[in-house]
N, C-alpha and C. Protein backbone atom coordinates (compact mmCIF):
# COMPACT_ATOMS: atom_id res chain seq x y z
N UNK A 1 -5.45 24.89 -20.11
CA UNK A 1 -5.59 23.80 -19.96
C UNK A 1 -6.83 22.82 -19.31
N UNK A 2 -7.38 22.21 -19.95
CA UNK A 2 -8.59 21.12 -19.48
C UNK A 2 -8.81 20.62 -18.47
N UNK A 3 -9.56 20.07 -17.84
CA UNK A 3 -9.99 19.97 -17.12
C UNK A 3 -9.40 18.27 -16.49
N UNK A 4 -9.74 17.50 -18.00
CA UNK A 4 -9.36 16.05 -17.88
C UNK A 4 -7.21 16.00 -17.68
N UNK A 5 -6.74 17.19 -18.45
CA UNK A 5 -5.32 17.47 -18.50
C UNK A 5 -4.97 17.58 -16.93
N UNK A 6 -5.55 18.65 -16.34
CA UNK A 6 -5.26 18.54 -15.27
C UNK A 6 -5.50 17.21 -14.26
N UNK A 7 -6.70 16.51 -14.27
CA UNK A 7 -6.68 15.56 -13.46
C UNK A 7 -5.34 14.29 -13.84
N UNK A 8 -5.22 13.84 -15.00
CA UNK A 8 -4.45 13.53 -15.72
C UNK A 8 -2.99 13.47 -15.08
N UNK A 9 -2.62 14.79 -14.76
CA UNK A 9 -1.38 15.34 -14.32
C UNK A 9 -1.43 15.22 -12.76
N UNK A 10 -2.67 15.49 -12.38
CA UNK A 10 -2.39 15.12 -10.80
C UNK A 10 -2.27 13.63 -10.66
N UNK A 11 -2.94 12.67 -10.82
CA UNK A 11 -3.34 11.48 -10.92
C UNK A 11 -1.76 10.69 -11.35
N UNK A 12 -0.95 11.09 -12.34
CA UNK A 12 0.36 10.70 -12.18
C UNK A 12 1.25 11.21 -11.23
N UNK A 13 1.07 12.41 -10.91
CA UNK A 13 1.85 13.31 -9.59
C UNK A 13 1.56 12.35 -8.42
N UNK A 14 0.78 11.96 -8.51
CA UNK A 14 0.43 11.12 -7.35
C UNK A 14 0.44 9.96 -6.90
N UNK A 15 0.80 9.02 -8.17
CA UNK A 15 1.60 7.58 -8.46
C UNK A 15 3.26 7.92 -8.11
N UNK A 16 3.39 8.72 -8.97
CA UNK A 16 5.06 9.13 -8.92
C UNK A 16 5.53 9.71 -7.30
N UNK A 17 4.68 10.90 -6.81
CA UNK A 17 4.68 11.04 -5.61
C UNK A 17 5.06 10.20 -4.56
N UNK A 18 3.99 9.06 -4.66
CA UNK A 18 3.75 8.17 -3.70
C UNK A 18 4.57 6.79 -3.68
N UNK A 19 5.53 6.55 -4.89
CA UNK A 19 6.65 5.75 -4.86
C UNK A 19 7.39 6.39 -3.99
N UNK A 20 8.20 7.57 -4.89
CA UNK A 20 9.22 8.54 -4.98
C UNK A 20 8.96 8.71 -3.05
N UNK A 21 8.52 9.50 -2.85
CA UNK A 21 8.67 9.83 -1.05
C UNK A 21 9.00 8.51 -0.48
N UNK A 22 8.39 8.05 -0.69
CA UNK A 22 8.07 6.38 0.32
C UNK A 22 9.46 5.77 0.07
N UNK A 23 10.01 5.47 -1.15
CA UNK A 23 11.15 4.82 -1.28
C UNK A 23 12.52 6.02 -0.75
N UNK A 24 12.11 7.47 -0.76
CA UNK A 24 13.34 7.99 0.03
C UNK A 24 13.04 7.93 1.75
N UNK A 25 11.96 8.05 2.00
CA UNK A 25 11.48 8.17 3.46
C UNK A 25 12.41 6.80 4.10
N UNK A 26 11.87 5.43 3.58
CA UNK A 26 12.64 4.61 3.82
C UNK A 26 14.39 4.64 3.62
N UNK A 27 14.71 5.06 2.54
CA UNK A 27 16.21 5.27 2.77
C UNK A 27 17.02 6.37 3.49
N UNK A 28 15.79 7.30 4.15
CA UNK A 28 16.33 8.16 5.30
C UNK A 28 16.58 7.42 6.26
N UNK A 29 15.71 6.73 6.27
CA UNK A 29 15.70 6.02 8.00
C UNK A 29 16.57 4.72 7.89
N UNK A 30 17.10 4.63 6.96
CA UNK A 30 18.07 3.39 6.94
C UNK A 30 17.89 1.93 6.26
N UNK A 31 16.53 2.21 5.33
CA UNK A 31 16.46 0.39 4.69
C UNK A 31 16.73 0.85 3.29
N UNK A 32 17.56 -0.58 3.04
CA UNK A 32 18.05 -1.18 1.87
C UNK A 32 17.06 -1.42 0.88
N UNK A 33 16.76 -0.22 0.19
CA UNK A 33 16.01 -0.90 -1.10
C UNK A 33 16.80 -1.57 -2.25
N UNK A 34 16.36 -3.15 -2.11
CA UNK A 34 16.82 -3.65 -3.30
C UNK A 34 16.53 -3.45 -4.23
N UNK A 35 17.61 -3.90 -5.58
CA UNK A 35 16.90 -3.60 -7.07
C UNK A 35 15.99 -4.80 -7.49
N UNK A 36 15.59 -4.03 -9.06
CA UNK A 36 14.61 -5.06 -9.41
C UNK A 36 15.32 -6.31 -9.84
N UNK A 37 16.53 -6.77 -9.98
CA UNK A 37 17.00 -7.89 -10.32
C UNK A 37 16.57 -8.43 -8.96
N UNK A 38 16.96 -8.12 -7.79
CA UNK A 38 17.34 -8.97 -6.65
C UNK A 38 15.62 -9.22 -6.01
N UNK A 39 14.86 -8.75 -6.81
CA UNK A 39 13.45 -8.43 -6.46
C UNK A 39 12.99 -9.70 -7.22
N UNK A 40 13.39 -9.97 -8.33
CA UNK A 40 12.75 -10.98 -9.08
C UNK A 40 13.61 -12.48 -8.97
N UNK A 41 14.71 -12.29 -8.75
CA UNK A 41 15.11 -13.44 -7.76
C UNK A 41 14.67 -14.01 -6.82
N UNK A 42 14.16 -13.03 -5.97
CA UNK A 42 13.14 -13.64 -4.47
C UNK A 42 12.36 -14.26 -4.92
N UNK A 43 11.71 -14.30 -6.07
CA UNK A 43 10.63 -15.42 -6.48
C UNK A 43 9.45 -15.39 -5.30
N UNK A 44 9.25 -13.65 -4.82
CA UNK A 44 8.16 -13.48 -4.06
C UNK A 44 6.92 -12.92 -4.89
N UNK A 45 6.12 -14.36 -4.70
CA UNK A 45 4.99 -14.36 -6.03
C UNK A 45 3.87 -13.61 -5.56
N UNK A 46 3.64 -12.92 -4.66
CA UNK A 46 2.78 -11.77 -3.90
C UNK A 46 3.26 -10.62 -4.14
N UNK A 47 4.12 -10.57 -4.38
CA UNK A 47 4.77 -8.75 -4.97
C UNK A 47 4.02 -9.08 -6.31
N UNK A 48 4.46 -9.89 -7.23
CA UNK A 48 4.41 -9.72 -8.58
C UNK A 48 2.55 -9.96 -8.60
N UNK A 49 1.56 -10.47 -7.75
CA UNK A 49 0.32 -10.54 -7.52
C UNK A 49 -0.31 -8.89 -7.69
N UNK A 50 0.30 -8.45 -6.51
CA UNK A 50 -0.02 -7.12 -6.08
C UNK A 50 0.74 -6.18 -7.21
N UNK A 51 1.09 -5.88 -7.71
CA UNK A 51 1.96 -5.26 -9.16
C UNK A 51 1.05 -5.54 -10.61
N UNK A 52 0.81 -6.88 -10.80
CA UNK A 52 0.14 -7.15 -12.05
C UNK A 52 -1.29 -6.88 -11.41
N UNK A 53 -2.24 -6.62 -10.07
CA UNK A 53 -3.84 -6.28 -10.02
C UNK A 53 -3.78 -4.53 -10.18
N UNK A 54 -2.74 -4.19 -10.11
CA UNK A 54 -2.96 -2.87 -9.50
C UNK A 54 -2.61 -2.25 -10.96
N UNK A 55 -2.10 -2.53 -12.33
CA UNK A 55 -1.73 -2.09 -13.57
C UNK A 55 -3.04 -1.89 -14.08
N UNK A 56 -4.01 -2.89 -14.19
CA UNK A 56 -5.24 -2.52 -14.70
C UNK A 56 -6.02 -1.44 -13.83
N UNK A 57 -5.78 -1.24 -12.45
CA UNK A 57 -6.55 -0.14 -12.01
C UNK A 57 -6.40 0.86 -12.39
N UNK A 58 -4.83 1.52 -12.77
CA UNK A 58 -4.19 2.53 -13.10
C UNK A 58 -4.45 2.60 -14.42
N UNK A 59 -4.12 1.64 -15.43
CA UNK A 59 -4.90 2.40 -16.67
C UNK A 59 -6.56 2.38 -16.50
N UNK A 60 -7.40 2.12 -16.12
CA UNK A 60 -8.71 2.08 -16.44
C UNK A 60 -9.08 3.74 -15.84
N UNK A 61 -8.49 3.97 -14.61
CA UNK A 61 -8.21 5.63 -14.16
C UNK A 61 -8.08 6.30 -15.12
N UNK A 62 -6.96 6.27 -16.00
CA UNK A 62 -6.05 7.07 -16.94
C UNK A 62 -6.76 6.83 -18.16
N UNK A 63 -7.37 6.00 -18.37
CA UNK A 63 -8.33 5.91 -19.93
C UNK A 63 -10.08 6.40 -19.48
N UNK A 64 -10.24 6.51 -18.34
CA UNK A 64 -11.48 6.93 -18.21
C UNK A 64 -11.30 8.75 -18.15
N UNK A 65 -10.30 9.18 -17.80
CA UNK A 65 -9.95 10.68 -17.81
C UNK A 65 -9.56 10.94 -19.77
N UNK A 66 -9.03 10.52 -19.89
CA UNK A 66 -8.48 10.48 -21.24
C UNK A 66 -9.97 10.35 -22.04
N UNK A 67 -10.83 9.43 -21.60
CA UNK A 67 -11.78 9.66 -22.53
C UNK A 67 -13.17 10.64 -21.78
N UNK A 68 -12.89 11.29 -20.88
CA UNK A 68 -13.89 11.96 -20.15
C UNK A 68 -15.29 11.70 -19.86
N UNK A 69 -14.74 10.20 -18.95
CA UNK A 69 -15.61 9.40 -19.00
C UNK A 69 -15.50 8.78 -17.43
N UNK A 70 -15.44 10.09 -16.87
CA UNK A 70 -15.79 9.97 -15.30
C UNK A 70 -16.47 10.73 -14.56
N UNK A 71 -16.85 10.37 -13.03
CA UNK A 71 -18.29 11.22 -12.16
C UNK A 71 -16.85 12.48 -11.03
N UNK A 72 -16.74 13.41 -11.52
CA UNK A 72 -15.99 14.53 -10.89
C UNK A 72 -15.96 14.02 -9.56
N UNK A 73 -17.25 13.93 -8.83
CA UNK A 73 -17.18 13.82 -7.11
C UNK A 73 -16.59 12.48 -7.15
N UNK A 74 -16.56 11.80 -7.83
CA UNK A 74 -15.81 10.27 -7.27
C UNK A 74 -14.18 10.34 -7.55
N UNK A 75 -13.97 11.57 -8.53
CA UNK A 75 -12.37 11.51 -8.96
C UNK A 75 -11.59 12.52 -7.46
N UNK A 76 -12.64 12.91 -7.34
CA UNK A 76 -12.01 14.29 -5.96
C UNK A 76 -12.21 13.32 -4.86
N UNK A 77 -12.98 12.45 -4.87
CA UNK A 77 -13.24 11.66 -3.34
C UNK A 77 -11.84 10.45 -3.66
N UNK A 78 -11.57 9.72 -4.97
CA UNK A 78 -10.73 9.09 -5.06
C UNK A 78 -9.16 9.89 -4.74
N UNK A 79 -9.13 11.12 -5.22
CA UNK A 79 -7.86 11.97 -5.01
C UNK A 79 -7.79 12.23 -3.42
N UNK A 80 -8.82 12.09 -2.42
CA UNK A 80 -8.60 12.42 -1.26
C UNK A 80 -8.11 10.84 -0.16
N UNK A 81 -8.84 9.48 -0.84
CA UNK A 81 -8.18 8.22 -0.60
C UNK A 81 -6.62 8.03 -0.94
N UNK A 82 -6.98 8.90 -2.06
CA UNK A 82 -4.89 8.60 -2.72
C UNK A 82 -3.95 9.55 -1.76
N UNK A 83 -4.47 10.49 -1.40
CA UNK A 83 -3.70 11.57 -0.10
C UNK A 83 -3.24 10.99 1.07
N UNK A 84 -4.75 10.63 1.79
CA UNK A 84 -5.02 9.63 2.91
C UNK A 84 -3.95 8.35 2.86
N UNK A 85 -3.91 7.60 1.83
CA UNK A 85 -2.80 6.45 1.90
C UNK A 85 -1.74 6.60 1.81
N UNK A 86 -1.37 7.97 0.97
CA UNK A 86 0.08 8.42 1.08
C UNK A 86 0.62 8.44 2.25
N UNK A 87 -0.42 9.20 3.39
CA UNK A 87 0.41 9.88 4.32
C UNK A 87 0.06 8.66 5.59
N UNK A 88 -0.70 7.94 5.35
CA UNK A 88 -0.49 6.59 6.48
C UNK A 88 0.65 5.79 6.04
N UNK A 89 0.77 5.50 4.75
CA UNK A 89 2.37 5.24 4.16
C UNK A 89 4.07 5.88 4.90
N UNK A 90 3.81 6.67 4.43
CA UNK A 90 4.48 8.05 5.27
C UNK A 90 5.07 7.50 6.55
N UNK A 91 4.07 7.83 7.47
CA UNK A 91 4.40 7.62 8.78
C UNK A 91 4.59 6.32 8.90
N UNK A 92 3.96 5.17 8.44
CA UNK A 92 4.61 3.43 8.53
C UNK A 92 5.92 3.28 7.91
N UNK A 93 6.27 3.85 6.90
CA UNK A 93 7.92 4.20 6.74
C UNK A 93 8.38 4.21 7.19
N UNK A 94 8.39 5.78 8.05
CA UNK A 94 9.24 6.12 8.89
C UNK A 94 9.27 5.56 10.47
N UNK A 95 8.25 5.24 10.63
CA UNK A 95 8.07 4.24 12.03
C UNK A 95 8.90 3.01 12.09
N UNK A 96 8.53 2.18 10.94
CA UNK A 96 9.27 1.00 10.48
C UNK A 96 10.80 1.49 10.21
N UNK A 97 11.17 2.11 9.75
CA UNK A 97 12.62 2.95 9.41
C UNK A 97 13.41 1.88 8.89
N UNK A 98 14.97 1.51 9.01
CA UNK A 98 15.66 0.34 8.06
C UNK A 98 14.76 -0.78 8.31
N UNK A 99 13.98 -1.59 8.79
CA UNK A 99 13.59 -2.28 8.67
C UNK A 99 12.35 -2.98 7.49
N UNK A 100 11.81 -1.75 6.99
CA UNK A 100 11.51 -1.90 6.02
C UNK A 100 11.63 -2.87 4.51
N UNK A 101 10.84 -3.72 3.66
CA UNK A 101 11.30 -4.20 2.79
C UNK A 101 10.05 -4.59 1.69
N UNK A 102 10.03 -4.38 0.69
CA UNK A 102 9.23 -4.64 -0.08
C UNK A 102 8.43 -6.34 -0.64
N UNK A 103 9.39 -6.66 0.08
CA UNK A 103 9.05 -8.24 0.28
C UNK A 103 8.98 -8.99 1.37
N UNK A 104 8.08 -10.20 0.96
CA UNK A 104 7.29 -10.42 2.24
C UNK A 104 8.11 -11.91 3.07
N UNK A 105 9.12 -11.15 3.58
CA UNK A 105 9.94 -11.76 4.50
C UNK A 105 10.97 -11.58 5.59
N UNK A 106 11.58 -11.99 6.72
CA UNK A 106 12.07 -11.28 7.73
C UNK A 106 13.36 -11.46 7.66
N UNK A 107 14.24 -10.71 8.07
CA UNK A 107 15.66 -10.76 7.94
C UNK A 107 16.00 -10.97 9.22
N UNK A 108 17.28 -11.80 9.57
CA UNK A 108 17.76 -11.81 10.37
C UNK A 108 17.81 -10.92 11.80
N UNK A 109 17.97 -9.98 11.13
CA UNK A 109 18.48 -8.71 12.89
C UNK A 109 17.25 -8.02 12.59
N UNK A 110 16.13 -8.42 11.82
CA UNK A 110 14.71 -7.66 12.56
C UNK A 110 13.99 -7.64 13.60
N UNK A 111 13.66 -6.65 14.29
CA UNK A 111 13.08 -6.74 15.31
C UNK A 111 11.61 -6.75 15.23
N UNK A 112 10.62 -6.87 15.72
CA UNK A 112 9.46 -6.19 15.49
C UNK A 112 8.93 -5.19 16.58
N UNK A 113 8.37 -4.21 15.64
CA UNK A 113 7.81 -3.11 15.82
C UNK A 113 6.51 -3.05 16.33
N UNK A 114 6.52 -2.62 17.25
CA UNK A 114 5.09 -2.55 18.29
C UNK A 114 4.63 -0.94 18.55
N UNK A 115 5.66 0.12 17.99
CA UNK A 115 5.14 1.30 18.24
C UNK A 115 4.78 2.25 17.37
N UNK A 116 4.59 3.38 17.57
CA UNK A 116 3.83 4.63 16.69
C UNK A 116 3.16 3.81 16.30
N UNK A 117 2.63 3.82 14.92
CA UNK A 117 1.46 3.49 14.04
C UNK A 117 1.13 1.94 14.21
N UNK A 118 2.44 1.16 14.51
CA UNK A 118 2.22 0.21 14.65
C UNK A 118 1.45 -0.43 15.80
N UNK A 119 1.44 0.44 16.89
CA UNK A 119 0.59 0.35 17.84
C UNK A 119 -1.09 0.16 17.43
N UNK A 120 -1.67 0.95 16.58
CA UNK A 120 -2.86 0.94 15.84
C UNK A 120 -3.04 -0.33 14.91
N UNK A 121 -2.17 -0.65 14.19
CA UNK A 121 -2.82 -1.86 13.17
C UNK A 121 -1.36 -2.61 12.87
N UNK A 122 -1.33 -3.70 12.73
CA UNK A 122 0.09 -4.96 12.48
C UNK A 122 0.34 -4.48 10.88
N UNK A 123 -0.44 -3.88 10.03
CA UNK A 123 0.25 -3.60 8.86
C UNK A 123 -0.05 -2.56 8.04
N UNK A 124 0.20 -1.49 8.53
CA UNK A 124 -0.39 -0.02 8.01
C UNK A 124 0.34 0.24 6.66
N UNK A 125 1.41 -0.60 6.02
CA UNK A 125 1.46 -0.29 4.83
C UNK A 125 0.32 -0.53 3.68
N UNK A 126 0.13 -1.90 4.11
CA UNK A 126 -0.76 -2.32 3.57
C UNK A 126 -2.17 -1.79 3.38
N UNK A 127 -2.50 -1.31 4.78
CA UNK A 127 -3.72 -0.22 4.93
C UNK A 127 -3.52 0.96 4.29
N UNK A 128 -2.64 1.53 3.62
CA UNK A 128 -2.06 2.80 2.75
C UNK A 128 -2.30 2.40 1.70
N UNK A 129 -1.85 1.15 0.76
CA UNK A 129 -1.99 0.40 0.01
C UNK A 129 -3.34 0.24 -0.54
N UNK A 130 -4.30 -0.41 0.41
CA UNK A 130 -5.80 -0.63 0.56
C UNK A 130 -6.44 0.78 0.03
N UNK A 131 -6.17 1.62 0.87
CA UNK A 131 -6.64 2.87 0.85
C UNK A 131 -6.47 3.97 -0.56
N UNK A 132 -5.00 4.11 -0.93
CA UNK A 132 -4.61 4.22 -2.00
C UNK A 132 -5.10 4.04 -3.25
N UNK A 133 -5.13 2.70 -3.53
CA UNK A 133 -5.84 1.73 -4.41
C UNK A 133 -7.00 1.98 -4.50
N UNK A 134 -7.66 1.87 -3.47
CA UNK A 134 -9.55 2.64 -3.51
C UNK A 134 -9.52 3.68 -4.12
N UNK A 135 -8.59 5.12 -3.83
CA UNK A 135 -9.00 6.26 -4.53
C UNK A 135 -8.37 5.91 -6.31
N UNK A 136 -7.92 5.20 -6.55
CA UNK A 136 -7.39 4.74 -8.18
C UNK A 136 -8.79 4.43 -8.58
N UNK A 137 -9.60 3.37 -8.00
CA UNK A 137 -10.75 2.44 -8.29
C UNK A 137 -11.50 3.49 -8.04
N UNK A 138 -11.70 4.82 -7.12
CA UNK A 138 -12.62 5.05 -7.62
C UNK A 138 -12.75 6.47 -8.79
N UNK A 139 -11.46 7.00 -9.05
CA UNK A 139 -11.35 7.61 -10.20
C UNK A 139 -11.87 6.74 -11.32
N UNK A 140 -11.47 5.89 -11.85
CA UNK A 140 -11.97 4.84 -12.93
C UNK A 140 -13.61 5.34 -13.08
N UNK A 141 -14.00 4.89 -11.51
CA UNK A 141 -15.53 5.03 -11.56
C UNK A 141 -16.61 4.35 -12.41
N UNK A 142 -16.08 3.03 -12.87
CA UNK A 142 -16.82 2.22 -13.90
C UNK A 142 -16.32 0.81 -13.50
N UNK A 143 -17.26 -0.30 -14.23
CA UNK A 143 -17.24 -1.66 -14.04
C UNK A 143 -15.83 -2.20 -13.97
N UNK A 144 -14.94 -1.81 -14.49
CA UNK A 144 -13.79 -2.51 -14.40
C UNK A 144 -12.71 -1.76 -12.95
N UNK A 145 -13.60 -1.06 -12.07
CA UNK A 145 -12.76 -0.34 -11.20
C UNK A 145 -13.21 -1.75 -10.17
N UNK A 146 -14.16 -2.62 -10.40
CA UNK A 146 -14.46 -3.72 -10.03
C UNK A 146 -12.87 -4.83 -9.62
N UNK A 147 -11.97 -4.33 -10.64
CA UNK A 147 -10.97 -5.13 -10.33
C UNK A 147 -9.95 -5.19 -9.23
N UNK A 148 -10.56 -3.88 -8.42
CA UNK A 148 -10.16 -3.45 -7.22
C UNK A 148 -10.46 -5.15 -6.25
N UNK A 149 -11.30 -5.65 -6.84
CA UNK A 149 -11.58 -6.89 -5.88
C UNK A 149 -10.20 -8.00 -6.13
N UNK A 150 -9.71 -8.24 -6.92
CA UNK A 150 -8.34 -8.77 -6.98
C UNK A 150 -7.56 -8.31 -6.83
N UNK A 151 -6.92 -6.97 -6.42
CA UNK A 151 -5.96 -6.53 -5.88
C UNK A 151 -6.43 -6.66 -4.00
N UNK A 152 -7.73 -6.81 -4.14
CA UNK A 152 -7.73 -7.20 -2.39
C UNK A 152 -7.25 -8.37 -2.06
N UNK A 153 -7.61 -9.30 -2.99
CA UNK A 153 -7.30 -11.29 -3.14
C UNK A 153 -5.79 -11.13 -3.10
N UNK A 154 -5.41 -10.43 -3.77
CA UNK A 154 -3.49 -10.27 -4.16
C UNK A 154 -2.84 -9.67 -2.47
N UNK A 155 -3.36 -8.91 -2.25
CA UNK A 155 -2.48 -8.09 -1.09
C UNK A 155 -3.42 -9.10 0.03
N UNK A 156 -4.41 -9.61 0.31
CA UNK A 156 -4.60 -10.86 1.32
C UNK A 156 -3.48 -11.82 1.47
N UNK A 157 -2.96 -12.10 0.04
CA UNK A 157 -2.11 -13.28 0.29
C UNK A 157 -0.82 -13.18 0.40
N UNK A 158 -0.66 -11.56 0.31
CA UNK A 158 0.22 -10.92 0.50
C UNK A 158 0.46 -10.88 2.28
N UNK A 159 -0.57 -10.57 3.08
CA UNK A 159 -0.52 -10.47 4.54
C UNK A 159 0.14 -11.97 4.79
N UNK A 160 -0.83 -13.16 4.11
CA UNK A 160 -0.80 -14.26 5.03
C UNK A 160 0.76 -14.60 4.99
N UNK A 161 1.00 -14.23 4.00
CA UNK A 161 2.33 -14.96 4.03
C UNK A 161 3.33 -14.09 4.62
N UNK A 162 3.46 -12.80 4.52
CA UNK A 162 4.04 -12.14 5.93
C UNK A 162 3.68 -12.68 7.28
N UNK A 163 2.63 -12.46 7.39
CA UNK A 163 1.95 -13.21 8.92
C UNK A 163 2.77 -14.72 9.51
N UNK A 164 2.80 -15.16 8.42
CA UNK A 164 3.48 -16.57 8.27
C UNK A 164 5.18 -16.58 8.93
N UNK A 165 5.55 -15.49 7.76
CA UNK A 165 6.95 -15.24 8.42
C UNK A 165 7.45 -14.77 9.77
N UNK A 166 6.65 -13.75 9.53
CA UNK A 166 6.01 -13.01 11.13
C UNK A 166 6.42 -14.30 12.26
N UNK A 167 5.49 -14.81 12.53
CA UNK A 167 5.01 -15.69 13.42
C UNK A 167 6.43 -16.99 13.35
N UNK A 168 6.80 -17.29 12.24
CA UNK A 168 8.04 -18.30 12.04
C UNK A 168 9.55 -17.10 12.93
N UNK A 169 9.32 -16.06 12.78
CA UNK A 169 10.51 -15.46 12.98
C UNK A 169 10.03 -15.00 14.48
N UNK A 170 9.37 -14.70 14.91
CA UNK A 170 8.89 -14.07 16.55
C UNK A 170 8.24 -14.89 17.32
N UNK A 171 7.60 -15.59 16.89
CA UNK A 171 6.62 -16.75 17.94
C UNK A 171 5.92 -16.38 18.38
N UNK A 172 5.92 -16.48 19.79
CA UNK A 172 4.71 -15.85 20.79
C UNK A 172 5.00 -14.61 20.81
N UNK A 173 5.69 -14.01 20.67
CA UNK A 173 5.91 -12.47 20.62
C UNK A 173 4.79 -11.65 19.52
N UNK A 174 5.14 -12.06 18.18
CA UNK A 174 4.51 -11.79 17.28
C UNK A 174 2.71 -12.57 17.54
N UNK A 175 2.44 -13.59 17.72
CA UNK A 175 0.96 -14.20 18.38
C UNK A 175 0.48 -13.36 19.63
N UNK A 176 1.26 -13.04 20.55
CA UNK A 176 0.62 -11.71 21.50
C UNK A 176 0.32 -10.52 20.91
N UNK A 177 1.14 -10.01 19.87
CA UNK A 177 0.97 -8.63 18.88
C UNK A 177 -0.73 -8.90 18.10
N UNK A 178 -0.52 -10.02 17.48
CA UNK A 178 -2.25 -10.41 16.67
C UNK A 178 -3.11 -10.44 17.59
N UNK A 179 -3.01 -11.04 19.00
CA UNK A 179 -4.04 -10.48 19.93
C UNK A 179 -4.69 -9.21 20.22
N UNK A 180 -3.64 -8.66 20.49
CA UNK A 180 -3.93 -7.01 20.68
C UNK A 180 -4.08 -6.03 19.78
N UNK A 181 -3.18 -5.89 18.26
CA UNK A 181 -3.72 -5.08 17.46
C UNK A 181 -4.49 -5.81 16.20
N UNK A 182 -5.47 -4.47 15.84
CA UNK A 182 -5.70 -5.19 14.54
C UNK A 182 -5.06 -5.63 13.17
N UNK A 183 -5.37 -6.52 12.53
CA UNK A 183 -4.54 -6.53 11.08
C UNK A 183 -4.61 -5.01 10.32
N UNK A 184 -5.63 -4.47 9.79
CA UNK A 184 -5.74 -3.64 9.26
C UNK A 184 -6.26 -2.45 9.26
N UNK A 185 -7.28 -2.60 9.61
CA UNK A 185 -8.63 -1.42 10.04
C UNK A 185 -8.29 -1.26 11.80
N UNK A 186 -7.82 0.09 12.15
CA UNK A 186 -7.82 0.51 13.68
C UNK A 186 -9.17 0.44 14.63
N UNK A 187 -8.75 0.03 15.75
CA UNK A 187 -10.43 0.00 16.75
C UNK A 187 -10.61 1.05 16.91
N UNK A 188 -12.13 1.38 17.01
CA UNK A 188 -12.05 2.93 17.46
C UNK A 188 -12.24 2.64 18.56
N UNK A 189 -11.73 4.06 19.21
CA UNK A 189 -11.72 4.35 20.75
C UNK A 189 -12.99 4.07 21.36
N UNK A 190 -13.27 3.56 22.36
CA UNK A 190 -14.15 3.77 23.11
C UNK A 190 -13.99 4.43 24.62
N UNK A 191 -14.86 4.73 25.64
CA UNK A 191 -14.27 5.11 26.92
C UNK A 191 -15.38 4.35 27.81
């Protein structure tokens, strides 16, 4: 088996593992995973933006590998980012438990989670997505990897929508949480 085949299998396995295990963890901790028809009916445009921006990144990575047009150190760094993103995602889903949803809305019975990884950042699942897809952009390692910028714009729109929902739902409690907890990048500890 050639290097390209191995890299392609690892890339596809990472994508499948990231999605399958993420949903498995969410279900295990009691989250209700909506069906595609209910996601479509929600008309959450930010969900579509993220997915439509991620598809070209993934295709770019696959095509770069298939055409033997990649830089191996970037590919290895990309896989390291993907694994890091997976780890963050799994922890965040576990800590969020039954409150996880793929949609940027809050439920009536939802409570604000400020424990576990949520003490470090307000949106660790989005952090995991950023890190994971940065890895895929690095695997592509070409001009088309700059599509990652569109992905960042889509994710920023998603975070703004969700933050607005959370402020509406939790009011001052969420505003206080904003003051003490970074959005995506954890603060470095200072002595």
